[in-house]
């Protein structure tokens, strides 16, 4: 597993570092875990999958990134992850997630994450994937994120080395007053890879701000569908790319979305196509 971690861009030394928290699982086997002061980590392996709960206590700032390492090392296998992450008020932590399937021919990975970032807390989440050269991985990461007043959440998903296989991302973020959320995804598809990315950001509170950035590059017969949705309904809502004059009313709502269906030369999507790469991005903010 340490070797696979390095293949995915990580450093095996972090697993031996007593000052760095981690949880490591291969398939439904829980291999290693470590807590650090201020971080509570509960994890268990069952026949149904891996369940992990991580809580950063109130006003604690975790110095080193928390490493979350999941994968299937065999050519065939199933992994189901349930992840619950909570940052209490004024807490701060960064998480590095490494997901690797280096020999995947018939591998299925699903992750169901719930993330709670309390008022004034800040969380950074960077997720790197490596699915091997065969295109045999089916990966479905799903996350529901709730941000309290003044909370900050930054996430990045990257899969740019090796084949993708089939990827279906479904992230939903709700931001309270003065909260900030930024979602970034970068994926490079090859061969017959299929990419589906849906990210939704709801700016529910006054002064909430959000940004969604998605970059997808394709070659061969790879295909992608990207759906980015930003919604705001707080008083004085004003998207960054509002029409002429903006929305000066004391209370307004908006919904912006970016949707792209694309493929490289040789594929045949039903609605639209263009060679090379595709990208989609949307941003919005609410203010008083």
C-alpha atoms as a PDB file:
ATOM      1  CA  UNK A   1       0.000   0.000   0.000  1.00  0.00           C
ATOM      2  CA  UNK A   2       2.900   2.362   0.723  1.00  0.00           C
ATOM      3  CA  UNK A   3       4.226   1.773  -2.800  1.00  0.00           C
ATOM      4  CA  UNK A   4       0.817   2.490  -4.289  1.00  0.00           C
ATOM      5  CA  UNK A   5       0.673   5.684  -2.254  1.00  0.00           C
ATOM      6  CA  UNK A   6       3.871   6.907  -3.900  1.00  0.00           C
ATOM      7  CA  UNK A   7       2.514   5.919  -7.313  1.00  0.00           C
ATOM      8  CA  UNK A   8      -0.482   8.143  -6.593  1.00  0.00           C
ATOM      9  CA  UNK A   9       1.796  11.049  -5.766  1.00  0.00           C
ATOM     10  CA  UNK A  10       2.010  10.604  -2.009  1.00  0.00           C
ATOM     11  CA  UNK A  11       4.912  10.024   0.353  1.00  0.00           C
ATOM     12  CA  UNK A  12       5.063   6.717   2.223  1.00  0.00           C
ATOM     13  CA  UNK A  13       6.950   8.421   5.064  1.00  0.00           C
ATOM     14  CA  UNK A  14       3.754  10.113   6.251  1.00  0.00           C
ATOM     15  CA  UNK A  15       2.393   6.741   7.392  1.00  0.00           C
ATOM     16  CA  UNK A  16       5.242   6.473   9.907  1.00  0.00           C
ATOM     17  CA  UNK A  17       5.107  10.101  11.059  1.00  0.00           C
ATOM     18  CA  UNK A  18       3.687  10.229  14.587  1.00  0.00           C
ATOM     19  CA  UNK A  19       2.697  13.869  14.075  1.00  0.00           C
ATOM     20  CA  UNK A  20       0.545  13.123  11.020  1.00  0.00           C
ATOM     21  CA  UNK A  21      -2.922  11.596  11.262  1.00  0.00           C
ATOM     22  CA  UNK A  22      -3.998   9.034   8.693  1.00  0.00           C
ATOM     23  CA  UNK A  23      -6.445   6.296   7.818  1.00  0.00           C
ATOM     24  CA  UNK A  24      -5.551   3.626   5.230  1.00  0.00           C
ATOM     25  CA  UNK A  25      -7.806   0.949   3.732  1.00  0.00           C
ATOM     26  CA  UNK A  26      -7.436  -1.519   0.870  1.00  0.00           C
ATOM     27  CA  UNK A  27     -10.752  -2.900  -0.281  1.00  0.00           C
ATOM     28  CA  UNK A  28     -12.704  -3.550   2.901  1.00  0.00           C
ATOM     29  CA  UNK A  29      -9.570  -4.144   4.989  1.00  0.00           C
ATOM     30  CA  UNK A  30      -8.623  -1.362   7.391  1.00  0.00           C
ATOM     31  CA  UNK A  31      -4.810  -1.364   7.354  1.00  0.00           C
ATOM     32  CA  UNK A  32      -3.746   1.571   9.506  1.00  0.00           C
ATOM     33  CA  UNK A  33      -4.969   4.636  11.336  1.00  0.00           C
ATOM     34  CA  UNK A  34      -3.512   7.287  13.612  1.00  0.00           C
ATOM     35  CA  UNK A  35      -4.966  10.160  15.604  1.00  0.00           C
ATOM     36  CA  UNK A  36      -3.210  13.352  16.657  1.00  0.00           C
ATOM     37  CA  UNK A  37      -4.171  15.705  19.497  1.00  0.00           C
ATOM     38  CA  UNK A  38      -7.359  17.572  18.649  1.00  0.00           C
ATOM     39  CA  UNK A  39      -8.491  15.057  16.023  1.00  0.00           C
ATOM     40  CA  UNK A  40     -10.812  12.179  16.861  1.00  0.00           C
ATOM     41  CA  UNK A  41     -10.698   9.350  14.314  1.00  0.00           C
ATOM     42  CA  UNK A  42     -13.028   6.365  14.427  1.00  0.00           C
ATOM     43  CA  UNK A  43     -12.890   3.768  11.652  1.00  0.00           C
ATOM     44  CA  UNK A  44     -14.172   0.243  11.257  1.00  0.00           C
ATOM     45  CA  UNK A  45     -14.277  -2.385   8.544  1.00  0.00           C
ATOM     46  CA  UNK A  46     -17.380  -4.481   7.960  1.00  0.00           C
ATOM     47  CA  UNK A  47     -18.623  -6.780   5.238  1.00  0.00           C
ATOM     48  CA  UNK A  48     -20.520  -3.781   3.847  1.00  0.00           C
ATOM     49  CA  UNK A  49     -17.447  -1.555   3.611  1.00  0.00           C
ATOM     50  CA  UNK A  50     -15.315   0.944   5.501  1.00  0.00           C
ATOM     51  CA  UNK A  51     -16.926   3.514   7.805  1.00  0.00           C
ATOM     52  CA  UNK A  52     -14.757   6.381   9.051  1.00  0.00           C
ATOM     53  CA  UNK A  53     -15.585   9.408  11.181  1.00  0.00           C
ATOM     54  CA  UNK A  54     -13.127  12.264  11.692  1.00  0.00           C
ATOM     55  CA  UNK A  55     -13.787  15.176  14.051  1.00  0.00           C
ATOM     56  CA  UNK A  56     -11.561  18.207  14.557  1.00  0.00           C
ATOM     57  CA  UNK A  57     -12.358  19.709  17.931  1.00  0.00           C
ATOM     58  CA  UNK A  58     -13.399  23.285  18.568  1.00  0.00           C
ATOM     59  CA  UNK A  59     -10.696  25.895  17.860  1.00  0.00           C
ATOM     60  CA  UNK A  60      -8.059  23.221  17.120  1.00  0.00           C
ATOM     61  CA  UNK A  61      -5.752  23.819  14.172  1.00  0.00           C
ATOM     62  CA  UNK A  62      -4.188  20.629  12.842  1.00  0.00           C
ATOM     63  CA  UNK A  63      -0.623  21.429  11.783  1.00  0.00           C
ATOM     64  CA  UNK A  64      -0.032  18.603   9.282  1.00  0.00           C
ATOM     65  CA  UNK A  65      -2.445  17.465   6.573  1.00  0.00           C
ATOM     66  CA  UNK A  66      -4.576  14.449   7.466  1.00  0.00           C
ATOM     67  CA  UNK A  67      -3.960  11.637   4.966  1.00  0.00           C
ATOM     68  CA  UNK A  68      -6.947   9.557   3.850  1.00  0.00           C
ATOM     69  CA  UNK A  69      -5.797   6.632   1.697  1.00  0.00           C
ATOM     70  CA  UNK A  70      -8.302   4.318   0.013  1.00  0.00           C
ATOM     71  CA  UNK A  71      -7.806   1.867  -2.820  1.00  0.00           C
ATOM     72  CA  UNK A  72      -8.056  -1.601  -4.327  1.00  0.00           C
ATOM     73  CA  UNK A  73      -4.697  -3.118  -5.229  1.00  0.00           C
ATOM     74  CA  UNK A  74      -5.981  -6.223  -7.036  1.00  0.00           C
ATOM     75  CA  UNK A  75      -7.275  -6.261 -10.641  1.00  0.00           C
ATOM     76  CA  UNK A  76     -10.835  -6.925  -9.437  1.00  0.00           C
ATOM     77  CA  UNK A  77     -12.647  -5.844  -6.313  1.00  0.00           C
ATOM     78  CA  UNK A  78     -15.234  -3.635  -4.656  1.00  0.00           C
ATOM     79  CA  UNK A  79     -14.729  -0.857  -2.137  1.00  0.00           C
ATOM     80  CA  UNK A  80     -17.498   1.069  -0.400  1.00  0.00           C
ATOM     81  CA  UNK A  81     -16.570   3.966   1.860  1.00  0.00           C
ATOM     82  CA  UNK A  82     -18.774   5.950   4.225  1.00  0.00           C
ATOM     83  CA  UNK A  83     -16.933   9.054   5.414  1.00  0.00           C
ATOM     84  CA  UNK A  84     -18.104  11.597   7.980  1.00  0.00           C
ATOM     85  CA  UNK A  85     -15.951  14.673   8.585  1.00  0.00           C
ATOM     86  CA  UNK A  86     -16.773  17.367  11.149  1.00  0.00           C
ATOM     87  CA  UNK A  87     -14.857  20.536  11.892  1.00  0.00           C
ATOM     88  CA  UNK A  88     -16.153  22.200  15.029  1.00  0.00           C
ATOM     89  CA  UNK A  89     -16.304  25.981  15.461  1.00  0.00           C
ATOM     90  CA  UNK A  90     -13.102  27.882  14.616  1.00  0.00           C
ATOM     91  CA  UNK A  91     -11.237  24.643  13.821  1.00  0.00           C
ATOM     92  CA  UNK A  92      -8.883  24.309  10.858  1.00  0.00           C
ATOM     93  CA  UNK A  93      -7.506  21.286   9.001  1.00  0.00           C
ATOM     94  CA  UNK A  94      -6.307  20.144   5.598  1.00  0.00           C
ATOM     95  CA  UNK A  95      -6.993  16.678   4.211  1.00  0.00           C
ATOM     96  CA  UNK A  96      -5.074  14.847   1.492  1.00  0.00           C
ATOM     97  CA  UNK A  97      -7.080  11.968   0.019  1.00  0.00           C
ATOM     98  CA  UNK A  98      -5.230   9.381  -2.072  1.00  0.00           C
ATOM     99  CA  UNK A  99      -7.424   6.977  -4.055  1.00  0.00           C
ATOM    100  CA  UNK A 100      -5.554   4.388  -6.080  1.00  0.00           C
ATOM    101  CA  UNK A 101      -6.516   1.403  -8.206  1.00  0.00           C
ATOM    102  CA  UNK A 102      -3.212   0.696 -10.003  1.00  0.00           C
ATOM    103  CA  UNK A 103      -4.192  -2.646 -11.604  1.00  0.00           C
ATOM    104  CA  UNK A 104      -7.910  -2.052 -12.049  1.00  0.00           C
ATOM    105  CA  UNK A 105      -9.615  -4.236 -14.631  1.00  0.00           C
ATOM    106  CA  UNK A 106     -12.930  -4.778 -12.827  1.00  0.00           C
ATOM    107  CA  UNK A 107     -12.887  -2.496  -9.800  1.00  0.00           C
ATOM    108  CA  UNK A 108     -15.818  -0.587  -8.312  1.00  0.00           C
ATOM    109  CA  UNK A 109     -15.295   2.165  -5.731  1.00  0.00           C
ATOM    110  CA  UNK A 110     -18.051   4.242  -4.158  1.00  0.00           C
ATOM    111  CA  UNK A 111     -17.654   6.892  -1.493  1.00  0.00           C
ATOM    112  CA  UNK A 112     -20.485   8.575   0.377  1.00  0.00           C
ATOM    113  CA  UNK A 113     -19.143  11.564   2.310  1.00  0.00           C
ATOM    114  CA  UNK A 114     -20.886  13.993   4.641  1.00  0.00           C
ATOM    115  CA  UNK A 115     -18.886  17.046   5.655  1.00  0.00           C
ATOM    116  CA  UNK A 116     -19.892  19.581   8.311  1.00  0.00           C
ATOM    117  CA  UNK A 117     -17.809  22.747   8.660  1.00  0.00           C
ATOM    118  CA  UNK A 118     -19.024  24.717  11.675  1.00  0.00           C
ATOM    119  CA  UNK A 119     -19.130  28.524  11.906  1.00  0.00           C
ATOM    120  CA  UNK A 120     -15.704  30.104  11.566  1.00  0.00           C
ATOM    121  CA  UNK A 121     -13.964  26.824  10.693  1.00  0.00           C
ATOM    122  CA  UNK A 122     -11.821  26.192   7.610  1.00  0.00           C
ATOM    123  CA  UNK A 123     -11.293  22.947   5.708  1.00  0.00           C
ATOM    124  CA  UNK A 124      -9.120  22.195   2.701  1.00  0.00           C
ATOM    125  CA  UNK A 125      -9.629  18.882   0.914  1.00  0.00           C
ATOM    126  CA  UNK A 126      -7.356  17.702  -1.906  1.00  0.00           C
ATOM    127  CA  UNK A 127      -8.239  14.384  -3.556  1.00  0.00           C
ATOM    128  CA  UNK A 128      -5.834  12.722  -5.986  1.00  0.00           C
ATOM    129  CA  UNK A 129      -6.699   9.596  -8.002  1.00  0.00           C
ATOM    130  CA  UNK A 130      -4.752   7.001  -9.964  1.00  0.00           C
ATOM    131  CA  UNK A 131      -6.809   4.343 -11.767  1.00  0.00           C
ATOM    132  CA  UNK A 132      -4.053   2.465 -13.606  1.00  0.00           C
ATOM    133  CA  UNK A 133      -3.544   1.893 -17.359  1.00  0.00           C
ATOM    134  CA  UNK A 134      -6.437  -0.463 -18.157  1.00  0.00           C
ATOM    135  CA  UNK A 135      -9.579   1.678 -17.836  1.00  0.00           C
ATOM    136  CA  UNK A 136     -11.280  -0.898 -15.640  1.00  0.00           C
ATOM    137  CA  UNK A 137     -12.236   1.309 -12.684  1.00  0.00           C
ATOM    138  CA  UNK A 138     -15.771   2.498 -11.955  1.00  0.00           C
ATOM    139  CA  UNK A 139     -15.520   5.278  -9.375  1.00  0.00           C
ATOM    140  CA  UNK A 140     -18.449   7.160  -7.836  1.00  0.00           C
ATOM    141  CA  UNK A 141     -17.506   9.783  -5.223  1.00  0.00           C
ATOM    142  CA  UNK A 142     -20.442  11.599  -3.628  1.00  0.00           C
ATOM    143  CA  UNK A 143     -20.291  14.365  -1.033  1.00  0.00           C
ATOM    144  CA  UNK A 144     -22.783  16.553   0.811  1.00  0.00           C
ATOM    145  CA  UNK A 145     -21.098  19.560   2.422  1.00  0.00           C
ATOM    146  CA  UNK A 146     -22.701  22.008   4.849  1.00  0.00           C
ATOM    147  CA  UNK A 147     -20.940  25.235   5.795  1.00  0.00           C
ATOM    148  CA  UNK A 148     -21.840  27.274   8.854  1.00  0.00           C
ATOM    149  CA  UNK A 149     -21.718  31.060   9.053  1.00  0.00           C
ATOM    150  CA  UNK A 150     -18.301  32.374   8.080  1.00  0.00           C
ATOM    151  CA  UNK A 151     -16.924  28.898   7.348  1.00  0.00           C
ATOM    152  CA  UNK A 152     -14.454  28.315   4.524  1.00  0.00           C
ATOM    153  CA  UNK A 153     -14.206  25.191   2.357  1.00  0.00           C
ATOM    154  CA  UNK A 154     -11.800  24.539  -0.504  1.00  0.00           C
ATOM    155  CA  UNK A 155     -11.734  21.259  -2.423  1.00  0.00           C
ATOM    156  CA  UNK A 156      -9.700  19.970  -5.347  1.00  0.00           C
ATOM    157  CA  UNK A 157     -10.151  16.735  -7.303  1.00  0.00           C
ATOM    158  CA  UNK A 158      -7.429  15.579  -9.713  1.00  0.00           C
ATOM    159  CA  UNK A 159      -7.209  12.573 -12.037  1.00  0.00           C
ATOM    160  CA  UNK A 160      -4.698  13.395 -14.747  1.00  0.00           C
ATOM    161  CA  UNK A 161      -2.407  10.333 -14.893  1.00  0.00           C
ATOM    162  CA  UNK A 162      -3.408   6.951 -16.329  1.00  0.00           C
ATOM    163  CA  UNK A 163      -6.862   5.948 -17.513  1.00  0.00           C
ATOM    164  CA  UNK A 164     -10.074   7.167 -15.915  1.00  0.00           C
ATOM    165  CA  UNK A 165     -12.388   4.256 -16.688  1.00  0.00           C
ATOM    166  CA  UNK A 166     -15.819   5.479 -15.597  1.00  0.00           C
ATOM    167  CA  UNK A 167     -16.002   8.400 -13.185  1.00  0.00           C
ATOM    168  CA  UNK A 168     -19.173   9.938 -11.742  1.00  0.00           C
ATOM    169  CA  UNK A 169     -18.665  12.833  -9.305  1.00  0.00           C
ATOM    170  CA  UNK A 170     -21.665  14.223  -7.396  1.00  0.00           C
ATOM    171  CA  UNK A 171     -20.856  17.061  -4.967  1.00  0.00           C
ATOM    172  CA  UNK A 172     -23.388  19.342  -3.278  1.00  0.00           C
ATOM    173  CA  UNK A 173     -22.420  22.272  -1.062  1.00  0.00           C
ATOM    174  CA  UNK A 174     -24.672  24.578   0.988  1.00  0.00           C
ATOM    175  CA  UNK A 175     -23.117  27.792   2.340  1.00  0.00           C
ATOM    176  CA  UNK A 176     -24.555  29.879   5.180  1.00  0.00           C
ATOM    177  CA  UNK A 177     -24.032  33.614   5.717  1.00  0.00           C
ATOM    178  CA  UNK A 178     -20.546  34.912   4.847  1.00  0.00           C
ATOM    179  CA  UNK A 179     -19.294  31.385   4.090  1.00  0.00           C
ATOM    180  CA  UNK A 180     -16.874  30.757   1.219  1.00  0.00           C
ATOM    181  CA  UNK A 181     -16.684  27.633  -0.966  1.00  0.00           C
ATOM    182  CA  UNK A 182     -14.397  26.812  -3.883  1.00  0.00           C
ATOM    183  CA  UNK A 183     -14.627  23.555  -5.860  1.00  0.00           C
ATOM    184  CA  UNK A 184     -11.975  22.617  -8.418  1.00  0.00           C
ATOM    185  CA  UNK A 185     -11.799  19.484 -10.586  1.00  0.00           C
ATOM    186  CA  UNK A 186      -9.213  18.435 -13.192  1.00  0.00           C
ATOM    187  CA  UNK A 187      -9.603  15.229 -15.234  1.00  0.00           C
ATOM    188  CA  UNK A 188      -7.813  13.888 -18.333  1.00  0.00           C
ATOM    189  CA  UNK A 189      -9.687  11.150 -20.194  1.00  0.00           C
ATOM    190  CA  UNK A 190      -8.228   8.701 -22.731  1.00  0.00           C
ATOM    191  CA  UNK A 191      -9.441   5.812 -24.877  1.00  0.00           C
ATOM    192  CA  UNK A 192     -13.062   5.031 -24.041  1.00  0.00           C
ATOM    193  CA  UNK A 193     -13.062   6.747 -20.639  1.00  0.00           C
ATOM    194  CA  UNK A 194     -16.353   8.241 -19.456  1.00  0.00           C
ATOM    195  CA  UNK A 195     -16.469  11.280 -17.182  1.00  0.00           C
ATOM    196  CA  UNK A 196     -19.554  12.676 -15.455  1.00  0.00           C
ATOM    197  CA  UNK A 197     -19.138  15.609 -13.090  1.00  0.00           C
ATOM    198  CA  UNK A 198     -22.030  17.266 -11.288  1.00  0.00           C
ATOM    199  CA  UNK A 199     -21.284  19.953  -8.728  1.00  0.00           C
ATOM    200  CA  UNK A 200     -23.938  22.092  -7.078  1.00  0.00           C
ATOM    201  CA  UNK A 201     -23.326  25.099  -4.843  1.00  0.00           C
ATOM    202  CA  UNK A 202     -26.188  26.717  -2.918  1.00  0.00           C
ATOM    203  CA  UNK A 203     -25.383  30.144  -1.491  1.00  0.00           C
ATOM    204  CA  UNK A 204     -28.116  30.181   1.122  1.00  0.00           C
ATOM    205  CA  UNK A 205     -26.831  32.954   3.393  1.00  0.00           C
ATOM    206  CA  UNK A 206     -26.256  36.672   3.000  1.00  0.00           C
ATOM    207  CA  UNK A 207     -22.750  37.420   1.828  1.00  0.00           C
ATOM    208  CA  UNK A 208     -21.950  33.820   0.925  1.00  0.00           C
ATOM    209  CA  UNK A 209     -19.496  33.413  -1.947  1.00  0.00           C
ATOM    210  CA  UNK A 210     -18.703  30.486  -4.175  1.00  0.00           C
ATOM    211  CA  UNK A 211     -16.679  29.356  -7.154  1.00  0.00           C
ATOM    212  CA  UNK A 212     -16.793  26.165  -9.226  1.00  0.00           C
ATOM    213  CA  UNK A 213     -13.953  25.426 -11.657  1.00  0.00           C
ATOM    214  CA  UNK A 214     -13.887  22.297 -13.816  1.00  0.00           C
ATOM    215  CA  UNK A 215     -11.279  21.384 -16.393  1.00  0.00           C
ATOM    216  CA  UNK A 216     -11.675  18.227 -18.487  1.00  0.00           C
ATOM    217  CA  UNK A 217      -9.338  17.227 -21.328  1.00  0.00           C
ATOM    218  CA  UNK A 218     -10.169  14.315 -23.639  1.00  0.00           C
ATOM    219  CA  UNK A 219      -8.481  12.267 -26.333  1.00  0.00           C
ATOM    220  CA  UNK A 220      -9.391   9.206 -28.367  1.00  0.00           C
ATOM    221  CA  UNK A 221     -13.034   8.186 -27.917  1.00  0.00           C
ATOM    222  CA  UNK A 222     -13.301   9.521 -24.363  1.00  0.00           C
ATOM    223  CA  UNK A 223     -16.446  11.444 -23.428  1.00  0.00           C
ATOM    224  CA  UNK A 224     -17.488  13.813 -20.678  1.00  0.00           C
ATOM    225  CA  UNK A 225     -20.530  15.540 -19.268  1.00  0.00           C
ATOM    226  CA  UNK A 226     -20.043  18.427 -16.853  1.00  0.00           C
ATOM    227  CA  UNK A 227     -22.876  20.088 -14.940  1.00  0.00           C
ATOM    228  CA  UNK A 228     -21.997  22.988 -12.638  1.00  0.00           C
ATOM    229  CA  UNK A 229     -24.881  24.692 -10.848  1.00  0.00           C
ATOM    230  CA  UNK A 230     -24.715  27.707  -8.553  1.00  0.00           C
ATOM    231  CA  UNK A 231     -27.843  28.970  -6.797  1.00  0.00           C
ATOM    232  CA  UNK A 232     -28.396  31.970  -4.544  1.00  0.00           C
ATOM    233  CA  UNK A 233     -31.504  33.278  -2.832  1.00  0.00           C
ATOM    234  CA  UNK A 234     -30.267  35.499  -0.028  1.00  0.00           C
ATOM    235  CA  UNK A 235     -31.152  39.175   0.243  1.00  0.00           C
ATOM    236  CA  UNK A 236     -29.235  41.237  -2.294  1.00  0.00           C
ATOM    237  CA  UNK A 237     -28.071  38.188  -4.229  1.00  0.00           C
ATOM    238  CA  UNK A 238     -25.755  39.171  -7.064  1.00  0.00           C
ATOM    239  CA  UNK A 239     -23.896  36.649  -9.230  1.00  0.00           C
ATOM    240  CA  UNK A 240     -20.475  37.689 -10.486  1.00  0.00           C
ATOM    241  CA  UNK A 241     -21.604  37.310 -14.079  1.00  0.00           C
ATOM    242  CA  UNK A 242     -25.001  38.946 -13.775  1.00  0.00           C
ATOM    243  CA  UNK A 243     -26.522  40.648 -16.777  1.00  0.00           C
ATOM    244  CA  UNK A 244     -26.288  44.355 -17.423  1.00  0.00           C
ATOM    245  CA  UNK A 245     -27.169  46.295 -14.333  1.00  0.00           C
ATOM    246  CA  UNK A 246     -27.004  43.263 -12.049  1.00  0.00           C
ATOM    247  CA  UNK A 247     -29.928  42.698  -9.702  1.00  0.00           C
ATOM    248  CA  UNK A 248     -30.266  45.788  -7.506  1.00  0.00           C
ATOM    249  CA  UNK A 249     -33.462  44.673  -5.748  1.00  0.00           C
ATOM    250  CA  UNK A 250     -33.229  44.316  -1.978  1.00  0.00           C
ATOM    251  CA  UNK A 251     -34.027  40.638  -2.358  1.00  0.00           C
ATOM    252  CA  UNK A 252     -33.207  38.578  -5.439  1.00  0.00           C
ATOM    253  CA  UNK A 253     -32.407  35.043  -6.448  1.00  0.00           C
ATOM    254  CA  UNK A 254     -30.319  33.540  -9.186  1.00  0.00           C
ATOM    255  CA  UNK A 255     -29.325  30.232 -10.693  1.00  0.00           C
ATOM    256  CA  UNK A 256     -26.302  29.841 -12.941  1.00  0.00           C
ATOM    257  CA  UNK A 257     -25.120  26.669 -14.568  1.00  0.00           C
ATOM    258  CA  UNK A 258     -22.507  25.477 -17.012  1.00  0.00           C
ATOM    259  CA  UNK A 259     -23.140  22.276 -18.923  1.00  0.00           C
ATOM    260  CA  UNK A 260     -20.861  20.660 -21.479  1.00  0.00           C
ATOM    261  CA  UNK A 261     -21.171  17.351 -23.278  1.00  0.00           C
ATOM    262  CA  UNK A 262     -18.078  16.658 -25.336  1.00  0.00           C
ATOM    263  CA  UNK A 263     -15.895  14.027 -26.892  1.00  0.00           C
ATOM    264  CA  UNK A 264     -12.672  13.795 -28.798  1.00  0.00           C
ATOM    265  CA  UNK A 265     -12.458  12.777 -32.436  1.00  0.00           C
ATOM    266  CA  UNK A 266     -13.967   9.355 -33.037  1.00  0.00           C
ATOM    267  CA  UNK A 267     -16.739   9.445 -30.450  1.00  0.00           C
ATOM    268  CA  UNK A 268     -20.346  10.231 -31.249  1.00  0.00           C
ATOM    269  CA  UNK A 269     -22.302  12.053 -28.532  1.00  0.00           C
ATOM    270  CA  UNK A 270     -25.963  12.686 -29.132  1.00  0.00           C
ATOM    271  CA  UNK A 271     -25.932  16.438 -28.559  1.00  0.00           C
ATOM    272  CA  UNK A 272     -22.584  18.054 -29.330  1.00  0.00           C
ATOM    273  CA  UNK A 273     -18.937  17.280 -29.923  1.00  0.00           C
ATOM    274  CA  UNK A 274     -15.595  18.930 -30.462  1.00  0.00           C
ATOM    275  CA  UNK A 275     -12.049  17.573 -30.521  1.00  0.00           C
ATOM    276  CA  UNK A 276      -9.335  17.940 -27.957  1.00  0.00           C
ATOM    277  CA  UNK A 277     -10.436  19.270 -24.620  1.00  0.00           C
ATOM    278  CA  UNK A 278     -13.484  20.657 -22.912  1.00  0.00           C
ATOM    279  CA  UNK A 279     -13.814  22.838 -19.862  1.00  0.00           C
ATOM    280  CA  UNK A 280     -16.607  24.408 -17.880  1.00  0.00           C
ATOM    281  CA  UNK A 281     -16.587  26.877 -15.033  1.00  0.00           C
ATOM    282  CA  UNK A 282     -19.097  28.927 -13.088  1.00  0.00           C
ATOM    283  CA  UNK A 283     -18.848  31.388 -10.251  1.00  0.00           C
ATOM    284  CA  UNK A 284     -21.268  33.433  -8.214  1.00  0.00           C
ATOM    285  CA  UNK A 285     -21.582  35.326  -4.975  1.00  0.00           C
ATOM    286  CA  UNK A 286     -24.293  36.837  -2.819  1.00  0.00           C
ATOM    287  CA  UNK A 287     -23.843  40.108  -1.025  1.00  0.00           C
ATOM    288  CA  UNK A 288     -25.833  42.674   0.859  1.00  0.00           C
END
